[in-house]
Amino acid sequence: MRWDVLHGPGLRWVGKVERAIKRLDHPDQGAFVALTNALEFHFEAGADPTTVRHLVHALLAFTKAVGLEPARLHVPDDPDAFVASLAPKGSTSGRETR
């Protein structure tokens, strides 16, 4: 099941990643922005945790592929655990709200 719309923890995290990307001024900045825009959309529209998990995995893989340190961009090393940590309180599996 989807999380609630305007998921605050997810939106705050995406904001941190976006600010780190802007400061970096990397030649592949557009690809990073595409991934963060997709994540932001899902957090605003009511996140599907499976989709978010896949997008965070993609962000981590791309960060490593271009030779950057994930921590520098606030990208978690364990996307599965990270997405579970973002799950709304009361979630039975860490992946859904109901």
PDB file of N, CA and C in Angstrom:
ATOM      1  N   MET A   1       0.835  -1.184   0.000  1.00  0.00           N
ATOM      2  CA  MET A   1       0.000   0.000   0.000  1.00  0.00           C
ATOM      3  C   MET A   1       0.880   1.249   0.000  1.00  0.00           C
ATOM      4  N   ARG A   2       0.322   2.295  -0.516  1.00  0.00           N
ATOM      5  CA  ARG A   2       1.053   3.561  -0.603  1.00  0.00           C
ATOM      6  C   ARG A   2       1.115   4.273   0.743  1.00  0.00           C
ATOM      7  N   TRP A   3       2.164   5.075   0.889  1.00  0.00           N
ATOM      8  CA  TRP A   3       2.264   5.955   2.050  1.00  0.00           C
ATOM      9  C   TRP A   3       1.412   7.189   1.776  1.00  0.00           C
ATOM     10  N   ASP A   4       1.214   7.985   2.808  1.00  0.00           N
ATOM     11  CA  ASP A   4       0.431   9.209   2.666  1.00  0.00           C
ATOM     12  C   ASP A   4       1.111  10.196   1.720  1.00  0.00           C
ATOM     13  N   VAL A   5       0.321  11.089   1.138  1.00  0.00           N
ATOM     14  CA  VAL A   5       0.874  12.137   0.276  1.00  0.00           C
ATOM     15  C   VAL A   5       1.718  13.086   1.115  1.00  0.00           C
ATOM     16  N   LEU A   6       2.616  13.790   0.447  1.00  0.00           N
ATOM     17  CA  LEU A   6       3.525  14.746   1.094  1.00  0.00           C
ATOM     18  C   LEU A   6       4.255  14.096   2.268  1.00  0.00           C
ATOM     19  N   HIS A   7       4.935  13.012   1.981  1.00  0.00           N
ATOM     20  CA  HIS A   7       5.666  12.250   3.000  1.00  0.00           C
ATOM     21  C   HIS A   7       6.884  13.062   3.452  1.00  0.00           C
ATOM     22  N   GLY A   8       6.759  13.687   4.626  1.00  0.00           N
ATOM     23  CA  GLY A   8       7.763  14.613   5.134  1.00  0.00           C
ATOM     24  C   GLY A   8       9.180  14.075   5.215  1.00  0.00           C
ATOM     25  N   PRO A   9       9.404  12.923   5.843  1.00  0.00           N
ATOM     26  CA  PRO A   9      10.773  12.421   5.945  1.00  0.00           C
ATOM     27  C   PRO A   9      11.424  12.185   4.579  1.00  0.00           C
ATOM     28  N   GLY A  10      10.663  11.664   3.651  1.00  0.00           N
ATOM     29  CA  GLY A  10      11.201  11.427   2.313  1.00  0.00           C
ATOM     30  C   GLY A  10      11.511  12.730   1.594  1.00  0.00           C
ATOM     31  N   LEU A  11      10.621  13.700   1.703  1.00  0.00           N
ATOM     32  CA  LEU A  11      10.842  14.991   1.054  1.00  0.00           C
ATOM     33  C   LEU A  11      12.047  15.719   1.651  1.00  0.00           C
ATOM     34  N   ARG A  12      12.218  15.637   2.963  1.00  0.00           N
ATOM     35  CA  ARG A  12      13.386  16.278   3.598  1.00  0.00           C
ATOM     36  C   ARG A  12      14.684  15.629   3.113  1.00  0.00           C
ATOM     37  N   TRP A  13      14.690  14.299   3.003  1.00  0.00           N
ATOM     38  CA  TRP A  13      15.886  13.600   2.531  1.00  0.00           C
ATOM     39  C   TRP A  13      16.202  13.986   1.090  1.00  0.00           C
ATOM     40  N   VAL A  14      15.183  13.983   0.218  1.00  0.00           N
ATOM     41  CA  VAL A  14      15.411  14.351  -1.183  1.00  0.00           C
ATOM     42  C   VAL A  14      15.968  15.768  -1.269  1.00  0.00           C
ATOM     43  N   GLY A  15      15.478  16.665  -0.421  1.00  0.00           N
ATOM     44  CA  GLY A  15      16.001  18.031  -0.401  1.00  0.00           C
ATOM     45  C   GLY A  15      17.488  18.068  -0.082  1.00  0.00           C
ATOM     46  N   LYS A  16      17.918  17.262   0.878  1.00  0.00           N
ATOM     47  CA  LYS A  16      19.347  17.188   1.216  1.00  0.00           C
ATOM     48  C   LYS A  16      20.168  16.692   0.034  1.00  0.00           C
ATOM     49  N   VAL A  17      19.663  15.658  -0.631  1.00  0.00           N
ATOM     50  CA  VAL A  17      20.372  15.103  -1.787  1.00  0.00           C
ATOM     51  C   VAL A  17      20.460  16.154  -2.892  1.00  0.00           C
ATOM     52  N   GLU A  18      19.362  16.836  -3.161  1.00  0.00           N
ATOM     53  CA  GLU A  18      19.353  17.858  -4.213  1.00  0.00           C
ATOM     54  C   GLU A  18      20.349  18.981  -3.920  1.00  0.00           C
ATOM     55  N   ARG A  19      20.403  19.435  -2.675  1.00  0.00           N
ATOM     56  CA  ARG A  19      21.352  20.500  -2.310  1.00  0.00           C
ATOM     57  C   ARG A  19      22.793  20.030  -2.476  1.00  0.00           C
ATOM     58  N   ALA A  20      23.068  18.783  -2.101  1.00  0.00           N
ATOM     59  CA  ALA A  20      24.422  18.236  -2.254  1.00  0.00           C
ATOM     60  C   ALA A  20      24.803  18.137  -3.729  1.00  0.00           C
ATOM     61  N   ILE A  21      23.849  17.766  -4.560  1.00  0.00           N
ATOM     62  CA  ILE A  21      24.111  17.658  -6.000  1.00  0.00           C
ATOM     63  C   ILE A  21      24.400  19.031  -6.589  1.00  0.00           C
ATOM     64  N   LYS A  22      23.631  20.029  -6.194  1.00  0.00           N
ATOM     65  CA  LYS A  22      23.865  21.392  -6.700  1.00  0.00           C
ATOM     66  C   LYS A  22      25.257  21.890  -6.326  1.00  0.00           C
ATOM     67  N   ARG A  23      25.652  21.658  -5.082  1.00  0.00           N
ATOM     68  CA  ARG A  23      26.982  22.101  -4.632  1.00  0.00           C
ATOM     69  C   ARG A  23      28.092  21.399  -5.404  1.00  0.00           C
ATOM     70  N   LEU A  24      27.845  20.171  -5.777  1.00  0.00           N
ATOM     71  CA  LEU A  24      28.854  19.366  -6.448  1.00  0.00           C
ATOM     72  C   LEU A  24      29.122  19.846  -7.876  1.00  0.00           C
ATOM     73  N   ASP A  25      28.090  20.326  -8.556  1.00  0.00           N
ATOM     74  CA  ASP A  25      28.211  20.792  -9.942  1.00  0.00           C
ATOM     75  C   ASP A  25      28.891  19.742 -10.817  1.00  0.00           C
ATOM     76  N   HIS A  26      28.373  18.527 -10.768  1.00  0.00           N
ATOM     77  CA  HIS A  26      28.916  17.376 -11.495  1.00  0.00           C
ATOM     78  C   HIS A  26      28.439  17.388 -12.952  1.00  0.00           C
ATOM     79  N   PRO A  27      29.251  16.914 -13.898  1.00  0.00           N
ATOM     80  CA  PRO A  27      28.817  16.887 -15.301  1.00  0.00           C
ATOM     81  C   PRO A  27      27.567  16.036 -15.554  1.00  0.00           C
ATOM     82  N   ASP A  28      27.309  15.065 -14.694  1.00  0.00           N
ATOM     83  CA  ASP A  28      26.115  14.222 -14.822  1.00  0.00           C
ATOM     84  C   ASP A  28      24.983  14.695 -13.914  1.00  0.00           C
ATOM     85  N   GLN A  29      24.987  15.974 -13.593  1.00  0.00           N
ATOM     86  CA  GLN A  29      23.989  16.529 -12.679  1.00  0.00           C
ATOM     87  C   GLN A  29      22.564  16.272 -13.175  1.00  0.00           C
ATOM     88  N   GLY A  30      22.346  16.334 -14.463  1.00  0.00           N
ATOM     89  CA  GLY A  30      21.009  16.106 -15.009  1.00  0.00           C
ATOM     90  C   GLY A  30      20.468  14.718 -14.707  1.00  0.00           C
ATOM     91  N   ALA A  31      21.314  13.730 -14.745  1.00  0.00           N
ATOM     92  CA  ALA A  31      20.881  12.363 -14.423  1.00  0.00           C
ATOM     93  C   ALA A  31      20.518  12.252 -12.943  1.00  0.00           C
ATOM     94  N   PHE A  32      21.311  12.895 -12.088  1.00  0.00           N
ATOM     95  CA  PHE A  32      20.973  12.907 -10.665  1.00  0.00           C
ATOM     96  C   PHE A  32      19.627  13.591 -10.446  1.00  0.00           C
ATOM     97  N   VAL A  33      19.413  14.705 -11.123  1.00  0.00           N
ATOM     98  CA  VAL A  33      18.163  15.450 -10.973  1.00  0.00           C
ATOM     99  C   VAL A  33      16.973  14.603 -11.434  1.00  0.00           C
ATOM    100  N   ALA A  34      17.142  13.845 -12.500  1.00  0.00           N
ATOM    101  CA  ALA A  34      16.062  12.977 -12.971  1.00  0.00           C
ATOM    102  C   ALA A  34      15.654  11.976 -11.883  1.00  0.00           C
ATOM    103  N   LEU A  35      16.644  11.401 -11.224  1.00  0.00           N
ATOM    104  CA  LEU A  35      16.346  10.430 -10.160  1.00  0.00           C
ATOM    105  C   LEU A  35      15.705  11.113  -8.950  1.00  0.00           C
ATOM    106  N   THR A  36      16.243  12.264  -8.544  1.00  0.00           N
ATOM    107  CA  THR A  36      15.660  12.942  -7.375  1.00  0.00           C
ATOM    108  C   THR A  36      14.270  13.479  -7.691  1.00  0.00           C
ATOM    109  N   ASN A  37      14.034  13.909  -8.939  1.00  0.00           N
ATOM    110  CA  ASN A  37      12.683  14.351  -9.306  1.00  0.00           C
ATOM    111  C   ASN A  37      11.687  13.201  -9.214  1.00  0.00           C
ATOM    112  N   ALA A  38      12.099  12.024  -9.654  1.00  0.00           N
ATOM    113  CA  ALA A  38      11.213  10.854  -9.560  1.00  0.00           C
ATOM    114  C   ALA A  38      10.905  10.529  -8.104  1.00  0.00           C
ATOM    115  N   LEU A  39      11.929  10.569  -7.264  1.00  0.00           N
ATOM    116  CA  LEU A  39      11.708  10.316  -5.833  1.00  0.00           C
ATOM    117  C   LEU A  39      10.794  11.378  -5.223  1.00  0.00           C
ATOM    118  N   GLU A  40      11.063  12.627  -5.540  1.00  0.00           N
ATOM    119  CA  GLU A  40      10.242  13.715  -5.002  1.00  0.00           C
ATOM    120  C   GLU A  40       8.781  13.555  -5.422  1.00  0.00           C
ATOM    121  N   PHE A  41       8.557  13.208  -6.675  1.00  0.00           N
ATOM    122  CA  PHE A  41       7.188  12.980  -7.150  1.00  0.00           C
ATOM    123  C   PHE A  41       6.487  11.926  -6.303  1.00  0.00           C
ATOM    124  N   HIS A  42       7.164  10.819  -6.069  1.00  0.00           N
ATOM    125  CA  HIS A  42       6.536   9.741  -5.297  1.00  0.00           C
ATOM    126  C   HIS A  42       6.265  10.153  -3.861  1.00  0.00           C
ATOM    127  N   PHE A  43       7.192  10.893  -3.254  1.00  0.00           N
ATOM    128  CA  PHE A  43       6.955  11.337  -1.880  1.00  0.00           C
ATOM    129  C   PHE A  43       5.820  12.365  -1.811  1.00  0.00           C
ATOM    130  N   GLU A  44       5.638  13.147  -2.858  1.00  0.00           N
ATOM    131  CA  GLU A  44       4.545  14.127  -2.880  1.00  0.00           C
ATOM    132  C   GLU A  44       3.197  13.489  -3.176  1.00  0.00           C
ATOM    133  N   ALA A  45       3.192  12.481  -4.035  1.00  0.00           N
ATOM    134  CA  ALA A  45       1.938  11.912  -4.529  1.00  0.00           C
ATOM    135  C   ALA A  45       1.428  10.722  -3.727  1.00  0.00           C
ATOM    136  N   GLY A  46       2.186  10.268  -2.763  1.00  0.00           N
ATOM    137  CA  GLY A  46       1.810   9.064  -2.024  1.00  0.00           C
ATOM    138  C   GLY A  46       2.695   7.924  -2.462  1.00  0.00           C
ATOM    139  N   ALA A  47       3.802   7.772  -1.783  1.00  0.00           N
ATOM    140  CA  ALA A  47       4.874   6.875  -2.216  1.00  0.00           C
ATOM    141  C   ALA A  47       4.466   5.414  -2.187  1.00  0.00           C
ATOM    142  N   ASP A  48       4.818   4.731  -3.252  1.00  0.00           N
ATOM    143  CA  ASP A  48       4.781   3.274  -3.270  1.00  0.00           C
ATOM    144  C   ASP A  48       6.152   2.832  -2.777  1.00  0.00           C
ATOM    145  N   PRO A  49       6.256   2.187  -1.622  1.00  0.00           N
ATOM    146  CA  PRO A  49       7.557   1.867  -1.048  1.00  0.00           C
ATOM    147  C   PRO A  49       8.446   1.012  -1.941  1.00  0.00           C
ATOM    148  N   THR A  50       7.860   0.127  -2.726  1.00  0.00           N
ATOM    149  CA  THR A  50       8.675  -0.695  -3.619  1.00  0.00           C
ATOM    150  C   THR A  50       9.324   0.168  -4.692  1.00  0.00           C
ATOM    151  N   THR A  51       8.569   1.084  -5.260  1.00  0.00           N
ATOM    152  CA  THR A  51       9.116   1.986  -6.270  1.00  0.00           C
ATOM    153  C   THR A  51      10.199   2.871  -5.663  1.00  0.00           C
ATOM    154  N   VAL A  52       9.939   3.399  -4.475  1.00  0.00           N
ATOM    155  CA  VAL A  52      10.936   4.238  -3.806  1.00  0.00           C
ATOM    156  C   VAL A  52      12.213   3.444  -3.568  1.00  0.00           C
ATOM    157  N   ARG A  53      12.073   2.221  -3.126  1.00  0.00           N
ATOM    158  CA  ARG A  53      13.246   1.378  -2.870  1.00  0.00           C
ATOM    159  C   ARG A  53      14.062   1.179  -4.155  1.00  0.00           C
ATOM    160  N   HIS A  54      13.384   0.922  -5.252  1.00  0.00           N
ATOM    161  CA  HIS A  54      14.087   0.751  -6.531  1.00  0.00           C
ATOM    162  C   HIS A  54      14.780   2.045  -6.961  1.00  0.00           C
ATOM    163  N   LEU A  55      14.120   3.171  -6.764  1.00  0.00           N
ATOM    164  CA  LEU A  55      14.724   4.456  -7.132  1.00  0.00           C
ATOM    165  C   LEU A  55      15.941   4.771  -6.261  1.00  0.00           C
ATOM    166  N   VAL A  56      15.876   4.448  -4.978  1.00  0.00           N
ATOM    167  CA  VAL A  56      17.032   4.674  -4.100  1.00  0.00           C
ATOM    168  C   VAL A  56      18.177   3.745  -4.507  1.00  0.00           C
ATOM    169  N   HIS A  57      17.862   2.503  -4.867  1.00  0.00           N
ATOM    170  CA  HIS A  57      18.893   1.587  -5.384  1.00  0.00           C
ATOM    171  C   HIS A  57      19.531   2.180  -6.645  1.00  0.00           C
ATOM    172  N   ALA A  58      18.714   2.730  -7.540  1.00  0.00           N
ATOM    173  CA  ALA A  58      19.235   3.333  -8.774  1.00  0.00           C
ATOM    174  C   ALA A  58      20.119   4.528  -8.468  1.00  0.00           C
ATOM    175  N   LEU A  59      19.711   5.348  -7.524  1.00  0.00           N
ATOM    176  CA  LEU A  59      20.507   6.510  -7.139  1.00  0.00           C
ATOM    177  C   LEU A  59      21.853   6.076  -6.562  1.00  0.00           C
ATOM    178  N   LEU A  60      21.844   5.053  -5.730  1.00  0.00           N
ATOM    179  CA  LEU A  60      23.087   4.530  -5.161  1.00  0.00           C
ATOM    180  C   LEU A  60      23.988   3.972  -6.267  1.00  0.00           C
ATOM    181  N   ALA A  61      23.420   3.174  -7.162  1.00  0.00           N
ATOM    182  CA  ALA A  61      24.212   2.572  -8.237  1.00  0.00           C
ATOM    183  C   ALA A  61      24.806   3.647  -9.149  1.00  0.00           C
ATOM    184  N   PHE A  62      24.025   4.655  -9.486  1.00  0.00           N
ATOM    185  CA  PHE A  62      24.521   5.710 -10.358  1.00  0.00           C
ATOM    186  C   PHE A  62      25.616   6.520  -9.663  1.00  0.00           C
ATOM    187  N   THR A  63      25.430   6.811  -8.387  1.00  0.00           N
ATOM    188  CA  THR A  63      26.438   7.550  -7.627  1.00  0.00           C
ATOM    189  C   THR A  63      27.771   6.816  -7.668  1.00  0.00           C
ATOM    190  N   LYS A  64      27.724   5.509  -7.442  1.00  0.00           N
ATOM    191  CA  LYS A  64      28.947   4.702  -7.489  1.00  0.00           C
ATOM    192  C   LYS A  64      29.509   4.615  -8.906  1.00  0.00           C
ATOM    193  N   ALA A  65      28.626   4.515  -9.897  1.00  0.00           N
ATOM    194  CA  ALA A  65      29.069   4.375 -11.289  1.00  0.00           C
ATOM    195  C   ALA A  65      29.851   5.590 -11.776  1.00  0.00           C
ATOM    196  N   VAL A  66      29.518   6.772 -11.262  1.00  0.00           N
ATOM    197  CA  VAL A  66      30.243   7.973 -11.681  1.00  0.00           C
ATOM    198  C   VAL A  66      31.399   8.290 -10.734  1.00  0.00           C
ATOM    199  N   GLY A  67      31.676   7.367  -9.817  1.00  0.00           N
ATOM    200  CA  GLY A  67      32.852   7.485  -8.963  1.00  0.00           C
ATOM    201  C   GLY A  67      32.722   8.416  -7.775  1.00  0.00           C
ATOM    202  N   LEU A  68      31.496   8.638  -7.319  1.00  0.00           N
ATOM    203  CA  LEU A  68      31.290   9.514  -6.165  1.00  0.00           C
ATOM    204  C   LEU A  68      31.018   8.698  -4.903  1.00  0.00           C
ATOM    205  N   GLU A  69      31.336   9.284  -3.789  1.00  0.00           N
ATOM    206  CA  GLU A  69      31.074   8.682  -2.484  1.00  0.00           C
ATOM    207  C   GLU A  69      29.602   8.909  -2.131  1.00  0.00           C
ATOM    208  N   PRO A  70      28.809   7.845  -1.951  1.00  0.00           N
ATOM    209  CA  PRO A  70      27.386   8.024  -1.648  1.00  0.00           C
ATOM    210  C   PRO A  70      27.117   8.928  -0.443  1.00  0.00           C
ATOM    211  N   ALA A  71      27.915   8.800   0.600  1.00  0.00           N
ATOM    212  CA  ALA A  71      27.681   9.611   1.797  1.00  0.00           C
ATOM    213  C   ALA A  71      27.800  11.104   1.496  1.00  0.00           C
ATOM    214  N   ARG A  72      28.617  11.450   0.535  1.00  0.00           N
ATOM    215  CA  ARG A  72      28.790  12.860   0.166  1.00  0.00           C
ATOM    216  C   ARG A  72      27.486  13.468  -0.350  1.00  0.00           C
ATOM    217  N   LEU A  73      26.638  12.632  -0.927  1.00  0.00           N
ATOM    218  CA  LEU A  73      25.353  13.083  -1.468  1.00  0.00           C
ATOM    219  C   LEU A  73      24.172  12.675  -0.592  1.00  0.00           C
ATOM    220  N   HIS A  74      24.444  12.152   0.590  1.00  0.00           N
ATOM    221  CA  HIS A  74      23.398  11.682   1.516  1.00  0.00           C
ATOM    222  C   HIS A  74      22.634  10.488   0.953  1.00  0.00           C
ATOM    223  N   VAL A  75      23.312   9.695   0.125  1.00  0.00           N
ATOM    224  CA  VAL A  75      22.703   8.488  -0.447  1.00  0.00           C
ATOM    225  C   VAL A  75      23.059   7.313   0.469  1.00  0.00           C
ATOM    226  N   PRO A  76      22.055   6.590   0.963  1.00  0.00           N
ATOM    227  CA  PRO A  76      22.324   5.498   1.899  1.00  0.00           C
ATOM    228  C   PRO A  76      23.003   4.308   1.234  1.00  0.00           C
ATOM    229  N   ASP A  77      23.865   3.634   1.995  1.00  0.00           N
ATOM    230  CA  ASP A  77      24.533   2.425   1.511  1.00  0.00           C
ATOM    231  C   ASP A  77      23.599   1.218   1.472  1.00  0.00           C
ATOM    232  N   ASP A  78      22.539   1.260   2.263  1.00  0.00           N
ATOM    233  CA  ASP A  78      21.577   0.153   2.314  1.00  0.00           C
ATOM    234  C   ASP A  78      20.178   0.699   2.016  1.00  0.00           C
ATOM    235  N   PRO A  79      19.811   0.784   0.738  1.00  0.00           N
ATOM    236  CA  PRO A  79      18.503   1.358   0.390  1.00  0.00           C
ATOM    237  C   PRO A  79      17.321   0.641   1.037  1.00  0.00           C
ATOM    238  N   ASP A  80      17.410  -0.675   1.197  1.00  0.00           N
ATOM    239  CA  ASP A  80      16.289  -1.404   1.797  1.00  0.00           C
ATOM    240  C   ASP A  80      16.039  -0.950   3.233  1.00  0.00           C
ATOM    241  N   ALA A  81      17.093  -0.893   4.019  1.00  0.00           N
ATOM    242  CA  ALA A  81      16.957  -0.452   5.411  1.00  0.00           C
ATOM    243  C   ALA A  81      16.541   1.016   5.469  1.00  0.00           C
ATOM    244  N   PHE A  82      17.088   1.821   4.563  1.00  0.00           N
ATOM    245  CA  PHE A  82      16.745   3.239   4.550  1.00  0.00           C
ATOM    246  C   PHE A  82      15.261   3.449   4.274  1.00  0.00           C
ATOM    247  N   VAL A  83      14.736   2.783   3.258  1.00  0.00           N
ATOM    248  CA  VAL A  83      13.319   2.935   2.931  1.00  0.00           C
ATOM    249  C   VAL A  83      12.459   2.426   4.084  1.00  0.00           C
ATOM    250  N   ALA A  84      12.863   1.338   4.709  1.00  0.00           N
ATOM    251  CA  ALA A  84      12.118   0.846   5.876  1.00  0.00           C
ATOM    252  C   ALA A  84      12.122   1.881   6.995  1.00  0.00           C
ATOM    253  N   SER A  85      13.227   2.607   7.142  1.00  0.00           N
ATOM    254  CA  SER A  85      13.304   3.630   8.195  1.00  0.00           C
ATOM    255  C   SER A  85      12.407   4.824   7.896  1.00  0.00           C
ATOM    256  N   LEU A  86      12.066   5.029   6.637  1.00  0.00           N
ATOM    257  CA  LEU A  86      11.174   6.126   6.256  1.00  0.00           C
ATOM    258  C   LEU A  86       9.704   5.771   6.406  1.00  0.00           C
ATOM    259  N   ALA A  87       9.408   4.492   6.601  1.00  0.00           N
ATOM    260  CA  ALA A  87       8.018   4.041   6.668  1.00  0.00           C
ATOM    261  C   ALA A  87       7.281   4.765   7.783  1.00  0.00           C
ATOM    262  N   PRO A  88       6.053   5.158   7.518  1.00  0.00           N
ATOM    263  CA  PRO A  88       5.247   5.812   8.551  1.00  0.00           C
ATOM    264  C   PRO A  88       5.097   4.923   9.781  1.00  0.00           C
ATOM    265  N   LYS A  89       5.023   5.548  10.920  1.00  0.00           N
ATOM    266  CA  LYS A  89       4.835   4.805  12.173  1.00  0.00           C
ATOM    267  C   LYS A  89       3.538   4.019  12.113  1.00  0.00           C
ATOM    268  N   GLY A  90       3.558   2.835  12.677  1.00  0.00           N
ATOM    269  CA  GLY A  90       2.384   1.973  12.668  1.00  0.00           C
ATOM    270  C   GLY A  90       2.328   1.047  11.465  1.00  0.00           C
ATOM    271  N   SER A  91       3.328   1.148  10.606  1.00  0.00           N
ATOM    272  CA  SER A  91       3.390   0.276   9.439  1.00  0.00           C
ATOM    273  C   SER A  91       3.720  -1.137   9.907  1.00  0.00           C
ATOM    274  N   THR A  92       3.018  -2.105   9.396  1.00  0.00           N
ATOM    275  CA  THR A  92       3.220  -3.480   9.847  1.00  0.00           C
ATOM    276  C   THR A  92       4.489  -4.097   9.308  1.00  0.00           C
ATOM    277  N   SER A  93       4.857  -3.752   8.072  1.00  0.00           N
ATOM    278  CA  SER A  93       6.036  -4.370   7.466  1.00  0.00           C
ATOM    279  C   SER A  93       7.163  -3.393   7.234  1.00  0.00           C
ATOM    280  N   GLY A  94       6.957  -2.136   7.595  1.00  0.00           N
ATOM    281  CA  GLY A  94       7.949  -1.123   7.272  1.00  0.00           C
ATOM    282  C   GLY A  94       7.821  -0.658   5.836  1.00  0.00           C
ATOM    283  N   ARG A  95       6.813  -1.165   5.145  1.00  0.00           N
ATOM    284  CA  ARG A  95       6.658  -0.821   3.730  1.00  0.00           C
ATOM    285  C   ARG A  95       5.276  -0.262   3.393  1.00  0.00           C
ATOM    286  N   GLU A  96       4.346  -0.335   4.315  1.00  0.00           N
ATOM    287  CA  GLU A  96       3.017   0.155   3.984  1.00  0.00           C
ATOM    288  C   GLU A  96       2.380   0.816   5.199  1.00  0.00           C
ATOM    289  N   THR A  97       1.357   1.628   4.959  1.00  0.00           N
ATOM    290  CA  THR A  97       0.730   2.375   6.044  1.00  0.00           C
ATOM    291  C   THR A  97      -0.485   1.684   6.614  1.00  0.00           C
ATOM    292  N   ARG A  98      -1.043   0.724   5.947  1.00  0.00           N
ATOM    293  CA  ARG A  98      -2.283   0.094   6.440  1.00  0.00           C
ATOM    294  C   ARG A  98      -2.133  -1.395   6.514  1.00  0.00           C
TER     295      ARG A  98
END
